[in-house]
C-alpha atoms as a PDB file:
ATOM      1  CA  MET A   1     -21.795 -11.818  15.966  1.00  0.00           C
ATOM      2  CA  THR A   2     -24.862 -10.938  13.977  1.00  0.00           C
ATOM      3  CA  ASP A   3     -25.099 -10.597  10.210  1.00  0.00           C
ATOM      4  CA  GLY A   4     -21.457 -11.657   9.718  1.00  0.00           C
ATOM      5  CA  ARG A   5     -19.876  -8.656  11.445  1.00  0.00           C
ATOM      6  CA  PRO A   6     -17.942  -8.881  14.720  1.00  0.00           C
ATOM      7  CA  ASP A   7     -19.322  -7.259  17.856  1.00  0.00           C
ATOM      8  CA  ARG A   8     -18.206  -3.660  18.399  1.00  0.00           C
ATOM      9  CA  ASP A   9     -16.777  -3.894  21.890  1.00  0.00           C
ATOM     10  CA  GLU A  10     -13.713  -1.952  23.013  1.00  0.00           C
ATOM     11  CA  ASP A  11     -11.336  -4.881  22.591  1.00  0.00           C
ATOM     12  CA  SER A  12     -12.212  -5.809  19.017  1.00  0.00           C
ATOM     13  CA  VAL A  13     -12.193  -2.363  17.401  1.00  0.00           C
ATOM     14  CA  SER A  14      -9.120  -0.174  17.479  1.00  0.00           C
ATOM     15  CA  GLN A  15      -9.404   3.540  18.065  1.00  0.00           C
ATOM     16  CA  TRP A  16      -8.222   4.304  14.521  1.00  0.00           C
ATOM     17  CA  ALA A  17     -10.890   2.149  12.926  1.00  0.00           C
ATOM     18  CA  VAL A  18     -13.719   4.348  14.177  1.00  0.00           C
ATOM     19  CA  ILE A  19     -12.343   7.754  13.150  1.00  0.00           C
ATOM     20  CA  PRO A  20     -14.790   9.340  10.722  1.00  0.00           C
ATOM     21  CA  CYS A  21     -13.772   9.547   7.100  1.00  0.00           C
ATOM     22  CA  LYS A  22     -14.099  13.343   7.167  1.00  0.00           C
ATOM     23  CA  MET A  23     -11.223  13.560   9.623  1.00  0.00           C
ATOM     24  CA  HIS A  24      -9.012  11.570   7.267  1.00  0.00           C
ATOM     25  CA  LEU A  25      -9.891  13.963   4.457  1.00  0.00           C
ATOM     26  CA  ALA A  26      -9.125  16.967   6.651  1.00  0.00           C
ATOM     27  CA  MET A  27      -5.717  15.543   7.624  1.00  0.00           C
ATOM     28  CA  TRP A  28      -4.666  14.738   4.051  1.00  0.00           C
ATOM     29  CA  PRO A  29      -3.330  18.243   3.151  1.00  0.00           C
ATOM     30  CA  LEU A  30      -1.378  18.361   6.408  1.00  0.00           C
ATOM     31  CA  PHE A  31       0.086  14.925   5.677  1.00  0.00           C
ATOM     32  CA  LYS A  32       1.099  16.031   2.177  1.00  0.00           C
ATOM     33  CA  LEU A  33       2.754  19.176   3.589  1.00  0.00           C
ATOM     34  CA  VAL A  34       4.720  17.185   6.159  1.00  0.00           C
ATOM     35  CA  MET A  35       5.851  14.704   3.500  1.00  0.00           C
ATOM     36  CA  LEU A  36       6.945  17.574   1.236  1.00  0.00           C
ATOM     37  CA  LEU A  37       8.973  19.121   4.029  1.00  0.00           C
ATOM     38  CA  LEU A  38      10.575  15.779   4.851  1.00  0.00           C
ATOM     39  CA  GLN A  39      11.515  15.300   1.204  1.00  0.00           C
ATOM     40  CA  CYS A  40      13.213  18.718   1.176  1.00  0.00           C
ATOM     41  CA  ILE A  41      15.546  17.919   4.073  1.00  0.00           C
ATOM     42  CA  PRO A  42      18.258  16.198   1.960  1.00  0.00           C
ATOM     43  CA  THR A  43      18.678  19.347  -0.140  1.00  0.00           C
ATOM     44  CA  PHE A  44      20.144  21.132   2.870  1.00  0.00           C
ATOM     45  CA  PHE A  45      22.886  18.521   3.200  1.00  0.00           C
ATOM     46  CA  ARG A  46      23.981  18.238  -0.446  1.00  0.00           C
ATOM     47  CA  SER A  47      27.328  19.548  -1.552  1.00  0.00           C
ATOM     48  CA  ARG A  48      27.403  22.343  -4.125  1.00  0.00           C
ATOM     49  CA  ASN A  49      28.552  19.914  -6.826  1.00  0.00           C
ATOM     50  CA  ASN A  50      25.704  17.485  -6.168  1.00  0.00           C
ATOM     51  CA  GLN A  51      23.180  20.318  -6.094  1.00  0.00           C
ATOM     52  CA  ALA A  52      24.521  21.630  -9.418  1.00  0.00           C
ATOM     53  CA  ILE A  53      24.062  18.186 -10.974  1.00  0.00           C
ATOM     54  CA  VAL A  54      20.468  18.024  -9.729  1.00  0.00           C
ATOM     55  CA  GLU A  55      19.755  21.494 -11.103  1.00  0.00           C
ATOM     56  CA  LEU A  56      21.263  20.602 -14.490  1.00  0.00           C
ATOM     57  CA  ALA A  57      19.090  17.505 -14.677  1.00  0.00           C
ATOM     58  CA  LEU A  58      15.986  19.566 -13.898  1.00  0.00           C
ATOM     59  CA  ARG A  59      16.938  22.170 -16.504  1.00  0.00           C
ATOM     60  CA  GLN A  60      17.359  19.393 -19.069  1.00  0.00           C
ATOM     61  CA  GLN A  61      13.910  18.061 -18.261  1.00  0.00           C
ATOM     62  CA  LEU A  62      12.364  21.528 -18.498  1.00  0.00           C
ATOM     63  CA  ALA A  63      14.079  22.175 -21.827  1.00  0.00           C
ATOM     64  CA  THR A  64      12.720  18.899 -23.163  1.00  0.00           C
ATOM     65  CA  TYR A  65       9.157  19.718 -22.122  1.00  0.00           C
ATOM     66  CA  ALA A  66       9.336  23.355 -23.222  1.00  0.00           C
ATOM     67  CA  LEU A  67       9.890  22.519 -26.894  1.00  0.00           C
ATOM     68  CA  LYS A  68       7.081  23.708 -29.117  1.00  0.00           C
ATOM     69  CA  GLY A  69       5.305  21.405 -31.500  1.00  0.00           C
ATOM     70  CA  PRO A  70       4.284  17.816 -30.901  1.00  0.00           C
ATOM     71  CA  LYS A  71       4.952  16.347 -27.508  1.00  0.00           C
ATOM     72  CA  PRO A  72       8.597  15.297 -27.424  1.00  0.00           C
ATOM     73  CA  ARG A  73       9.472  11.694 -26.867  1.00  0.00           C
ATOM     74  CA  ILE A  74      11.638  11.079 -23.847  1.00  0.00           C
ATOM     75  CA  THR A  75      14.602   9.028 -24.981  1.00  0.00           C
ATOM     76  CA  SER A  76      16.702   6.697 -22.902  1.00  0.00           C
ATOM     77  CA  VAL A  77      19.432   9.380 -22.836  1.00  0.00           C
ATOM     78  CA  ASP A  78      16.973  11.825 -21.214  1.00  0.00           C
ATOM     79  CA  ARG A  79      15.942   9.217 -18.669  1.00  0.00           C
ATOM     80  CA  THR A  80      19.562   8.369 -17.904  1.00  0.00           C
ATOM     81  CA  PHE A  81      20.521  12.002 -17.504  1.00  0.00           C
END
């Protein structure tokens, strides 16, 4: 143990700790894609009524943001809906 750091033998350093940072950056888009696909899975199992409610909520949000003029304030009713 020199200069405060532990020795780099096979037992003290895990395999994941020595992966270069560039590999993490290259894997990030793939990770985001996988997470997006996993988040989409519940939409395939929703009933038509539940899906209609979700779509109405999204339309309400889009209508709120699409108003011209100063940025609209989101009220508690909008958040609840």
